[in-house]
Amino acid sequence: MANGYSRRSARILPLILALALSGLTLADYSEKSFETLDGGTAALGDYHGQIVVLNLWAVWCSPCLIEIPHLVALQDSLEAADATVIGLSIDSGSPGAISRFWERRLQITPNYPLWLGTADQARQYFGARTYPTTLIIDRDGEVRQTLIGLQTKADLEAAINALR
């Protein structure tokens, strides 16, 4: 690019700025916990040592509906690679409503963890302003890429392969 910033820098810069403005470091957000569909809690720090594809999505987001089957297919290919997809559902309702959404609307059984979050958390912790937003997080918990909009399995595999 003419100003000296790479395309990757252009994607990561908004996240770094959002984290700086929020006072959080990358290590800080890894400890923030989210409700899971089974009523428990989980945090990104629980996945230290793994590559994580963190997908921020919502039941009201049309591109998210198209992207989810790609994420399910990706998860099937990641199981042996010490990597996982995590779906962070933004302002999508109760755990029961999200489960029914997957069952009735998507007609897919989730094969990766689903967490519940809010738009405020998505903005504050991850710099997300639109959905879907997908973060590729390396084994040390560092966000290596922020992908905005609909991603395919092939797009995500390429991002993950760059970390191996």
N, C-alpha and C. Protein backbone atom coordinates (compact mmCIF):
# COMPACT_ATOMS: atom_id res chain seq x y z
N MET A 1 0.84 -1.17 0.00
CA MET A 1 0.00 0.00 0.00
C MET A 1 0.89 1.24 0.00
N ALA A 2 0.41 2.31 -0.51
CA ALA A 2 1.20 3.52 -0.67
C ALA A 2 1.64 4.13 0.67
N ASN A 3 0.86 3.99 1.70
CA ASN A 3 1.21 4.58 2.99
C ASN A 3 2.12 3.69 3.83
N GLY A 4 2.53 2.55 3.31
CA GLY A 4 3.45 1.69 4.02
C GLY A 4 2.80 0.62 4.88
N TYR A 5 1.47 0.62 5.00
CA TYR A 5 0.79 -0.39 5.79
C TYR A 5 0.39 -1.55 4.90
N SER A 6 0.59 -2.75 5.40
CA SER A 6 0.18 -3.93 4.65
C SER A 6 -1.31 -4.14 4.84
N ARG A 7 -1.87 -5.00 4.03
CA ARG A 7 -3.29 -5.34 4.15
C ARG A 7 -3.56 -5.96 5.53
N ARG A 8 -2.61 -6.80 6.00
CA ARG A 8 -2.74 -7.42 7.31
C ARG A 8 -2.75 -6.36 8.41
N SER A 9 -1.86 -5.38 8.31
CA SER A 9 -1.81 -4.31 9.30
C SER A 9 -3.12 -3.54 9.31
N ALA A 10 -3.69 -3.34 8.14
CA ALA A 10 -4.95 -2.60 8.05
C ALA A 10 -6.07 -3.35 8.75
N ARG A 11 -5.99 -4.68 8.78
CA ARG A 11 -7.01 -5.48 9.47
C ARG A 11 -6.79 -5.51 10.97
N ILE A 12 -5.54 -5.56 11.38
CA ILE A 12 -5.21 -5.73 12.79
C ILE A 12 -5.23 -4.40 13.53
N LEU A 13 -4.91 -3.32 12.84
CA LEU A 13 -4.83 -2.01 13.49
C LEU A 13 -6.11 -1.63 14.24
N PRO A 14 -7.32 -1.81 13.66
CA PRO A 14 -8.52 -1.45 14.43
C PRO A 14 -8.64 -2.25 15.73
N LEU A 15 -8.25 -3.52 15.72
CA LEU A 15 -8.31 -4.32 16.94
C LEU A 15 -7.32 -3.80 17.97
N ILE A 16 -6.11 -3.50 17.56
CA ILE A 16 -5.10 -2.99 18.48
C ILE A 16 -5.55 -1.66 19.07
N LEU A 17 -6.10 -0.80 18.22
CA LEU A 17 -6.60 0.49 18.71
C LEU A 17 -7.75 0.30 19.70
N ALA A 18 -8.65 -0.61 19.38
CA ALA A 18 -9.79 -0.85 20.29
C ALA A 18 -9.30 -1.38 21.62
N LEU A 19 -8.33 -2.29 21.59
CA LEU A 19 -7.79 -2.82 22.84
C LEU A 19 -7.07 -1.73 23.63
N ALA A 20 -6.31 -0.89 22.93
CA ALA A 20 -5.59 0.19 23.61
C ALA A 20 -6.56 1.18 24.25
N LEU A 21 -7.62 1.52 23.52
CA LEU A 21 -8.60 2.46 24.05
C LEU A 21 -9.38 1.87 25.22
N SER A 22 -9.58 0.55 25.20
CA SER A 22 -10.34 -0.08 26.26
C SER A 22 -9.49 -0.33 27.49
N GLY A 23 -8.16 -0.20 27.36
CA GLY A 23 -7.27 -0.47 28.47
C GLY A 23 -6.96 -1.95 28.62
N LEU A 24 -7.44 -2.79 27.72
CA LEU A 24 -7.19 -4.22 27.79
C LEU A 24 -6.00 -4.59 26.93
N THR A 25 -5.25 -5.57 27.37
CA THR A 25 -4.20 -6.14 26.54
C THR A 25 -4.72 -7.44 25.97
N LEU A 26 -3.99 -8.03 25.05
CA LEU A 26 -4.41 -9.32 24.51
C LEU A 26 -4.52 -10.35 25.62
N ALA A 27 -3.63 -10.30 26.59
CA ALA A 27 -3.70 -11.24 27.71
C ALA A 27 -4.97 -11.02 28.53
N ASP A 28 -5.40 -9.76 28.69
CA ASP A 28 -6.59 -9.45 29.47
C ASP A 28 -7.85 -10.09 28.89
N TYR A 29 -8.04 -9.98 27.59
CA TYR A 29 -9.30 -10.50 27.04
C TYR A 29 -9.32 -12.01 27.07
N SER A 30 -8.16 -12.66 27.09
CA SER A 30 -8.15 -14.12 27.11
C SER A 30 -8.74 -14.66 28.41
N GLU A 31 -8.80 -13.84 29.44
CA GLU A 31 -9.35 -14.27 30.72
C GLU A 31 -10.82 -13.89 30.90
N LYS A 32 -11.38 -13.09 30.00
CA LYS A 32 -12.79 -12.73 30.09
C LYS A 32 -13.63 -13.96 29.80
N SER A 33 -14.60 -14.23 30.66
CA SER A 33 -15.39 -15.45 30.47
C SER A 33 -16.73 -15.14 29.81
N PHE A 34 -17.23 -16.15 29.14
CA PHE A 34 -18.50 -16.07 28.43
C PHE A 34 -19.36 -17.26 28.84
N GLU A 35 -20.67 -17.05 28.83
CA GLU A 35 -21.60 -18.15 29.09
C GLU A 35 -21.58 -19.11 27.91
N THR A 36 -21.65 -20.39 28.21
CA THR A 36 -21.73 -21.41 27.17
C THR A 36 -23.17 -21.90 27.05
N LEU A 37 -23.46 -22.63 25.99
CA LEU A 37 -24.84 -23.09 25.78
C LEU A 37 -25.31 -24.04 26.88
N ASP A 38 -24.38 -24.73 27.53
CA ASP A 38 -24.79 -25.66 28.59
C ASP A 38 -24.89 -24.99 29.96
N GLY A 39 -24.77 -23.66 29.98
CA GLY A 39 -24.91 -22.92 31.23
C GLY A 39 -23.61 -22.72 31.99
N GLY A 40 -22.52 -23.25 31.49
CA GLY A 40 -21.22 -23.05 32.11
C GLY A 40 -20.58 -21.77 31.63
N THR A 41 -19.30 -21.64 31.90
CA THR A 41 -18.53 -20.50 31.40
C THR A 41 -17.25 -21.02 30.77
N ALA A 42 -16.71 -20.22 29.86
CA ALA A 42 -15.45 -20.56 29.19
C ALA A 42 -14.76 -19.26 28.83
N ALA A 43 -13.45 -19.35 28.63
CA ALA A 43 -12.64 -18.18 28.24
C ALA A 43 -11.63 -18.61 27.20
N LEU A 44 -11.17 -17.65 26.42
CA LEU A 44 -10.16 -17.96 25.41
C LEU A 44 -8.89 -18.53 26.04
N GLY A 45 -8.58 -18.11 27.25
CA GLY A 45 -7.41 -18.63 27.94
C GLY A 45 -7.47 -20.13 28.15
N ASP A 46 -8.68 -20.70 28.14
CA ASP A 46 -8.84 -22.15 28.27
C ASP A 46 -8.26 -22.89 27.06
N TYR A 47 -8.02 -22.16 25.98
CA TYR A 47 -7.56 -22.76 24.73
C TYR A 47 -6.10 -22.42 24.43
N HIS A 48 -5.37 -21.95 25.45
CA HIS A 48 -3.96 -21.62 25.25
C HIS A 48 -3.23 -22.86 24.73
N GLY A 49 -2.40 -22.66 23.73
CA GLY A 49 -1.68 -23.77 23.11
C GLY A 49 -2.36 -24.29 21.85
N GLN A 50 -3.58 -23.81 21.59
CA GLN A 50 -4.31 -24.20 20.39
C GLN A 50 -4.47 -22.99 19.48
N ILE A 51 -4.63 -23.25 18.21
CA ILE A 51 -5.05 -22.21 17.27
C ILE A 51 -6.57 -22.10 17.41
N VAL A 52 -7.05 -20.88 17.54
CA VAL A 52 -8.49 -20.66 17.71
C VAL A 52 -9.01 -19.79 16.57
N VAL A 53 -10.10 -20.23 15.99
CA VAL A 53 -10.85 -19.44 15.02
C VAL A 53 -12.08 -18.94 15.77
N LEU A 54 -12.03 -17.69 16.23
CA LEU A 54 -13.12 -17.11 17.01
C LEU A 54 -14.05 -16.37 16.06
N ASN A 55 -15.24 -16.90 15.89
CA ASN A 55 -16.22 -16.33 14.98
C ASN A 55 -17.31 -15.62 15.76
N LEU A 56 -17.42 -14.31 15.56
CA LEU A 56 -18.47 -13.51 16.17
C LEU A 56 -19.62 -13.44 15.18
N TRP A 57 -20.78 -13.92 15.58
CA TRP A 57 -21.92 -14.05 14.68
C TRP A 57 -23.21 -13.72 15.44
N ALA A 58 -24.30 -13.67 14.71
CA ALA A 58 -25.61 -13.41 15.31
C ALA A 58 -26.70 -14.11 14.51
N VAL A 59 -27.77 -14.48 15.18
CA VAL A 59 -28.87 -15.17 14.51
C VAL A 59 -29.55 -14.27 13.48
N TRP A 60 -29.45 -12.95 13.64
CA TRP A 60 -30.09 -12.00 12.74
C TRP A 60 -29.18 -11.57 11.59
N CYS A 61 -28.01 -12.17 11.48
CA CYS A 61 -27.00 -11.79 10.48
C CYS A 61 -27.05 -12.76 9.30
N SER A 62 -27.53 -12.29 8.15
CA SER A 62 -27.66 -13.16 6.97
C SER A 62 -26.33 -13.76 6.50
N PRO A 63 -25.24 -12.98 6.39
CA PRO A 63 -23.98 -13.60 5.99
C PRO A 63 -23.50 -14.66 6.99
N CYS A 64 -23.84 -14.48 8.26
CA CYS A 64 -23.45 -15.47 9.28
C CYS A 64 -24.10 -16.81 8.98
N LEU A 65 -25.35 -16.78 8.53
CA LEU A 65 -26.06 -18.03 8.23
C LEU A 65 -25.38 -18.78 7.09
N ILE A 66 -24.86 -18.06 6.14
CA ILE A 66 -24.16 -18.68 5.02
C ILE A 66 -22.80 -19.20 5.47
N GLU A 67 -22.16 -18.49 6.39
CA GLU A 67 -20.81 -18.84 6.84
C GLU A 67 -20.78 -20.06 7.77
N ILE A 68 -21.79 -20.26 8.58
CA ILE A 68 -21.77 -21.31 9.59
C ILE A 68 -21.49 -22.70 9.02
N PRO A 69 -22.09 -23.13 7.92
CA PRO A 69 -21.73 -24.45 7.39
C PRO A 69 -20.24 -24.57 7.04
N HIS A 70 -19.61 -23.46 6.62
CA HIS A 70 -18.18 -23.47 6.35
C HIS A 70 -17.40 -23.70 7.65
N LEU A 71 -17.87 -23.09 8.74
CA LEU A 71 -17.22 -23.26 10.03
C LEU A 71 -17.37 -24.69 10.55
N VAL A 72 -18.53 -25.27 10.36
CA VAL A 72 -18.75 -26.66 10.75
C VAL A 72 -17.81 -27.58 9.98
N ALA A 73 -17.71 -27.37 8.67
CA ALA A 73 -16.79 -28.18 7.85
C ALA A 73 -15.34 -27.95 8.27
N LEU A 74 -14.99 -26.72 8.58
CA LEU A 74 -13.64 -26.42 9.04
C LEU A 74 -13.34 -27.15 10.33
N GLN A 75 -14.27 -27.11 11.28
CA GLN A 75 -14.03 -27.79 12.57
C GLN A 75 -13.76 -29.28 12.36
N ASP A 76 -14.48 -29.91 11.45
CA ASP A 76 -14.24 -31.32 11.17
C ASP A 76 -12.80 -31.57 10.74
N SER A 77 -12.22 -30.62 10.01
CA SER A 77 -10.84 -30.80 9.53
C SER A 77 -9.80 -30.38 10.56
N LEU A 78 -10.21 -29.70 11.63
CA LEU A 78 -9.26 -29.19 12.63
C LEU A 78 -9.05 -30.12 13.81
N GLU A 79 -9.90 -31.08 13.98
CA GLU A 79 -9.87 -31.89 15.20
C GLU A 79 -8.51 -32.52 15.47
N ALA A 80 -7.80 -32.93 14.45
CA ALA A 80 -6.50 -33.57 14.64
C ALA A 80 -5.36 -32.55 14.67
N ALA A 81 -5.66 -31.27 14.45
CA ALA A 81 -4.62 -30.25 14.33
C ALA A 81 -4.44 -29.40 15.58
N ASP A 82 -5.05 -29.78 16.70
CA ASP A 82 -4.97 -29.00 17.93
C ASP A 82 -5.41 -27.56 17.68
N ALA A 83 -6.54 -27.44 17.02
CA ALA A 83 -7.14 -26.15 16.70
C ALA A 83 -8.65 -26.29 16.84
N THR A 84 -9.32 -25.18 17.03
CA THR A 84 -10.77 -25.24 17.18
C THR A 84 -11.42 -23.96 16.70
N VAL A 85 -12.66 -24.10 16.31
CA VAL A 85 -13.54 -22.98 16.03
C VAL A 85 -14.33 -22.73 17.31
N ILE A 86 -14.55 -21.47 17.64
CA ILE A 86 -15.45 -21.09 18.72
C ILE A 86 -16.42 -20.06 18.14
N GLY A 87 -17.69 -20.29 18.33
CA GLY A 87 -18.71 -19.35 17.86
C GLY A 87 -19.19 -18.49 19.02
N LEU A 88 -18.98 -17.19 18.94
CA LEU A 88 -19.46 -16.26 19.96
C LEU A 88 -20.70 -15.57 19.41
N SER A 89 -21.85 -16.00 19.91
CA SER A 89 -23.14 -15.49 19.44
C SER A 89 -23.41 -14.14 20.10
N ILE A 90 -23.60 -13.12 19.28
CA ILE A 90 -23.75 -11.75 19.78
C ILE A 90 -25.23 -11.37 19.83
N ASP A 91 -25.69 -11.04 21.04
CA ASP A 91 -27.07 -10.57 21.26
C ASP A 91 -28.10 -11.42 20.53
N SER A 92 -27.96 -12.75 20.67
CA SER A 92 -28.83 -13.66 19.93
C SER A 92 -29.86 -14.36 20.79
N GLY A 93 -29.94 -14.02 22.06
CA GLY A 93 -30.94 -14.63 22.91
C GLY A 93 -30.36 -15.63 23.88
N SER A 94 -31.24 -16.42 24.45
CA SER A 94 -30.88 -17.40 25.48
C SER A 94 -30.18 -18.61 24.86
N PRO A 95 -29.53 -19.42 25.69
CA PRO A 95 -28.94 -20.65 25.17
C PRO A 95 -29.97 -21.52 24.44
N GLY A 96 -31.18 -21.60 24.99
CA GLY A 96 -32.23 -22.39 24.34
C GLY A 96 -32.61 -21.84 22.98
N ALA A 97 -32.71 -20.53 22.88
CA ALA A 97 -33.05 -19.90 21.59
C ALA A 97 -31.97 -20.17 20.55
N ILE A 98 -30.73 -20.12 20.97
CA ILE A 98 -29.63 -20.38 20.03
C ILE A 98 -29.62 -21.84 19.61
N SER A 99 -29.86 -22.75 20.54
CA SER A 99 -29.93 -24.17 20.20
C SER A 99 -31.06 -24.44 19.22
N ARG A 100 -32.22 -23.84 19.48
CA ARG A 100 -33.35 -24.02 18.56
C ARG A 100 -33.04 -23.43 17.19
N PHE A 101 -32.33 -22.31 17.15
CA PHE A 101 -31.94 -21.69 15.89
C PHE A 101 -31.10 -22.66 15.06
N TRP A 102 -30.11 -23.27 15.69
CA TRP A 102 -29.26 -24.23 14.97
C TRP A 102 -30.08 -25.42 14.48
N GLU A 103 -30.97 -25.92 15.34
CA GLU A 103 -31.76 -27.09 15.01
C GLU A 103 -32.79 -26.80 13.91
N ARG A 104 -33.53 -25.71 14.06
CA ARG A 104 -34.65 -25.44 13.14
C ARG A 104 -34.25 -24.66 11.91
N ARG A 105 -33.49 -23.61 12.09
CA ARG A 105 -33.16 -22.74 10.97
C ARG A 105 -31.98 -23.28 10.15
N LEU A 106 -30.91 -23.65 10.85
CA LEU A 106 -29.72 -24.14 10.15
C LEU A 106 -29.80 -25.62 9.83
N GLN A 107 -30.54 -26.35 10.64
CA GLN A 107 -30.65 -27.81 10.54
C GLN A 107 -29.27 -28.46 10.56
N ILE A 108 -28.44 -27.96 11.49
CA ILE A 108 -27.09 -28.45 11.68
C ILE A 108 -26.88 -28.63 13.18
N THR A 109 -26.15 -29.67 13.54
CA THR A 109 -25.75 -29.84 14.93
C THR A 109 -24.40 -29.18 15.11
N PRO A 110 -24.27 -28.27 16.07
CA PRO A 110 -22.98 -27.60 16.27
C PRO A 110 -21.91 -28.62 16.65
N ASN A 111 -20.74 -28.49 16.05
CA ASN A 111 -19.63 -29.38 16.37
C ASN A 111 -18.46 -28.61 16.97
N TYR A 112 -18.71 -27.38 17.35
CA TYR A 112 -17.71 -26.56 18.03
C TYR A 112 -18.40 -25.78 19.14
N PRO A 113 -17.63 -25.29 20.11
CA PRO A 113 -18.23 -24.57 21.24
C PRO A 113 -18.96 -23.31 20.80
N LEU A 114 -20.12 -23.08 21.41
CA LEU A 114 -20.90 -21.87 21.18
C LEU A 114 -21.01 -21.11 22.50
N TRP A 115 -20.63 -19.85 22.45
CA TRP A 115 -20.67 -18.98 23.62
C TRP A 115 -21.64 -17.84 23.35
N LEU A 116 -22.09 -17.20 24.43
CA LEU A 116 -23.00 -16.06 24.33
C LEU A 116 -22.27 -14.78 24.73
N GLY A 117 -22.46 -13.74 23.93
CA GLY A 117 -21.85 -12.46 24.22
C GLY A 117 -22.75 -11.32 23.82
N THR A 118 -22.29 -10.12 24.08
CA THR A 118 -23.05 -8.92 23.73
C THR A 118 -22.27 -8.09 22.73
N ALA A 119 -22.95 -7.18 22.07
CA ALA A 119 -22.29 -6.28 21.13
C ALA A 119 -21.25 -5.42 21.86
N ASP A 120 -21.55 -5.03 23.10
CA ASP A 120 -20.58 -4.25 23.87
C ASP A 120 -19.30 -5.05 24.12
N GLN A 121 -19.44 -6.32 24.48
CA GLN A 121 -18.26 -7.17 24.68
C GLN A 121 -17.49 -7.34 23.37
N ALA A 122 -18.21 -7.58 22.29
CA ALA A 122 -17.56 -7.77 20.99
C ALA A 122 -16.75 -6.54 20.60
N ARG A 123 -17.30 -5.38 20.84
CA ARG A 123 -16.61 -4.12 20.54
C ARG A 123 -15.43 -3.90 21.49
N GLN A 124 -15.69 -4.05 22.77
CA GLN A 124 -14.67 -3.76 23.78
C GLN A 124 -13.51 -4.75 23.73
N TYR A 125 -13.79 -6.04 23.66
CA TYR A 125 -12.74 -7.04 23.72
C TYR A 125 -12.05 -7.28 22.39
N PHE A 126 -12.83 -7.22 21.29
CA PHE A 126 -12.30 -7.66 20.01
C PHE A 126 -12.33 -6.61 18.91
N GLY A 127 -12.84 -5.43 19.20
CA GLY A 127 -12.90 -4.37 18.21
C GLY A 127 -13.91 -4.63 17.11
N ALA A 128 -14.83 -5.55 17.32
CA ALA A 128 -15.82 -5.91 16.29
C ALA A 128 -16.90 -4.85 16.18
N ARG A 129 -17.16 -4.43 14.97
CA ARG A 129 -18.20 -3.44 14.72
C ARG A 129 -19.27 -3.98 13.75
N THR A 130 -18.98 -5.12 13.15
CA THR A 130 -19.90 -5.73 12.21
C THR A 130 -19.76 -7.25 12.31
N TYR A 131 -20.74 -7.96 11.75
CA TYR A 131 -20.74 -9.42 11.83
C TYR A 131 -21.01 -10.00 10.46
N PRO A 132 -20.43 -11.13 10.16
CA PRO A 132 -19.50 -11.86 10.99
C PRO A 132 -18.11 -11.20 11.03
N THR A 133 -17.46 -11.35 12.17
CA THR A 133 -16.06 -10.99 12.34
C THR A 133 -15.37 -12.24 12.87
N THR A 134 -14.25 -12.60 12.28
CA THR A 134 -13.54 -13.80 12.68
C THR A 134 -12.10 -13.44 13.02
N LEU A 135 -11.67 -13.87 14.19
CA LEU A 135 -10.30 -13.64 14.63
C LEU A 135 -9.54 -14.96 14.57
N ILE A 136 -8.36 -14.92 14.00
CA ILE A 136 -7.47 -16.07 13.98
C ILE A 136 -6.45 -15.82 15.09
N ILE A 137 -6.47 -16.68 16.10
CA ILE A 137 -5.65 -16.50 17.29
C ILE A 137 -4.61 -17.63 17.34
N ASP A 138 -3.35 -17.25 17.51
CA ASP A 138 -2.29 -18.27 17.50
C ASP A 138 -2.21 -19.00 18.84
N ARG A 139 -1.30 -19.95 18.93
CA ARG A 139 -1.17 -20.81 20.11
C ARG A 139 -0.77 -20.04 21.37
N ASP A 140 -0.22 -18.84 21.21
CA ASP A 140 0.17 -18.01 22.35
C ASP A 140 -0.92 -17.02 22.74
N GLY A 141 -2.07 -17.07 22.07
CA GLY A 141 -3.17 -16.17 22.40
C GLY A 141 -3.12 -14.84 21.69
N GLU A 142 -2.26 -14.69 20.72
CA GLU A 142 -2.15 -13.44 19.97
C GLU A 142 -3.07 -13.47 18.76
N VAL A 143 -3.81 -12.39 18.56
CA VAL A 143 -4.66 -12.28 17.38
C VAL A 143 -3.73 -12.03 16.19
N ARG A 144 -3.76 -12.94 15.23
CA ARG A 144 -2.89 -12.82 14.06
C ARG A 144 -3.61 -12.24 12.86
N GLN A 145 -4.92 -12.44 12.80
CA GLN A 145 -5.72 -11.87 11.71
C GLN A 145 -7.13 -11.59 12.20
N THR A 146 -7.70 -10.51 11.69
CA THR A 146 -9.11 -10.21 11.92
C THR A 146 -9.75 -10.15 10.54
N LEU A 147 -10.70 -11.04 10.32
CA LEU A 147 -11.37 -11.14 9.02
C LEU A 147 -12.79 -10.63 9.17
N ILE A 148 -13.14 -9.67 8.35
CA ILE A 148 -14.46 -9.05 8.40
C ILE A 148 -15.31 -9.61 7.26
N GLY A 149 -16.52 -9.99 7.59
CA GLY A 149 -17.44 -10.49 6.57
C GLY A 149 -17.35 -11.99 6.39
N LEU A 150 -18.14 -12.46 5.46
CA LEU A 150 -18.29 -13.88 5.17
C LEU A 150 -16.97 -14.50 4.74
N GLN A 151 -16.60 -15.60 5.40
CA GLN A 151 -15.39 -16.35 5.06
C GLN A 151 -15.78 -17.77 4.67
N THR A 152 -15.03 -18.34 3.75
CA THR A 152 -15.26 -19.73 3.37
C THR A 152 -14.29 -20.63 4.13
N LYS A 153 -14.53 -21.92 4.07
CA LYS A 153 -13.62 -22.89 4.68
C LYS A 153 -12.22 -22.70 4.12
N ALA A 154 -12.11 -22.51 2.82
CA ALA A 154 -10.79 -22.34 2.18
C ALA A 154 -10.09 -21.08 2.69
N ASP A 155 -10.82 -19.98 2.83
CA ASP A 155 -10.24 -18.74 3.37
C ASP A 155 -9.66 -18.98 4.75
N LEU A 156 -10.42 -19.65 5.59
CA LEU A 156 -10.01 -19.88 6.97
C LEU A 156 -8.85 -20.87 7.06
N GLU A 157 -8.88 -21.89 6.23
CA GLU A 157 -7.77 -22.84 6.20
C GLU A 157 -6.47 -22.15 5.82
N ALA A 158 -6.53 -21.23 4.87
CA ALA A 158 -5.33 -20.49 4.46
C ALA A 158 -4.80 -19.66 5.63
N ALA A 159 -5.68 -19.02 6.37
CA ALA A 159 -5.26 -18.22 7.53
C ALA A 159 -4.64 -19.09 8.61
N ILE A 160 -5.21 -20.26 8.83
CA ILE A 160 -4.69 -21.19 9.84
C ILE A 160 -3.36 -21.76 9.40
N ASN A 161 -3.26 -22.14 8.13
CA ASN A 161 -2.02 -22.73 7.63
C ASN A 161 -0.84 -21.77 7.74
N ALA A 162 -1.11 -20.48 7.70
CA ALA A 162 -0.05 -19.50 7.85
C ALA A 162 0.55 -19.53 9.26
N LEU A 163 -0.15 -20.11 10.22
CA LEU A 163 0.33 -20.19 11.60
C LEU A 163 1.04 -21.50 11.91
N ARG A 164 0.96 -22.47 11.06
CA ARG A 164 1.54 -23.80 11.36
C ARG A 164 3.01 -23.82 11.05
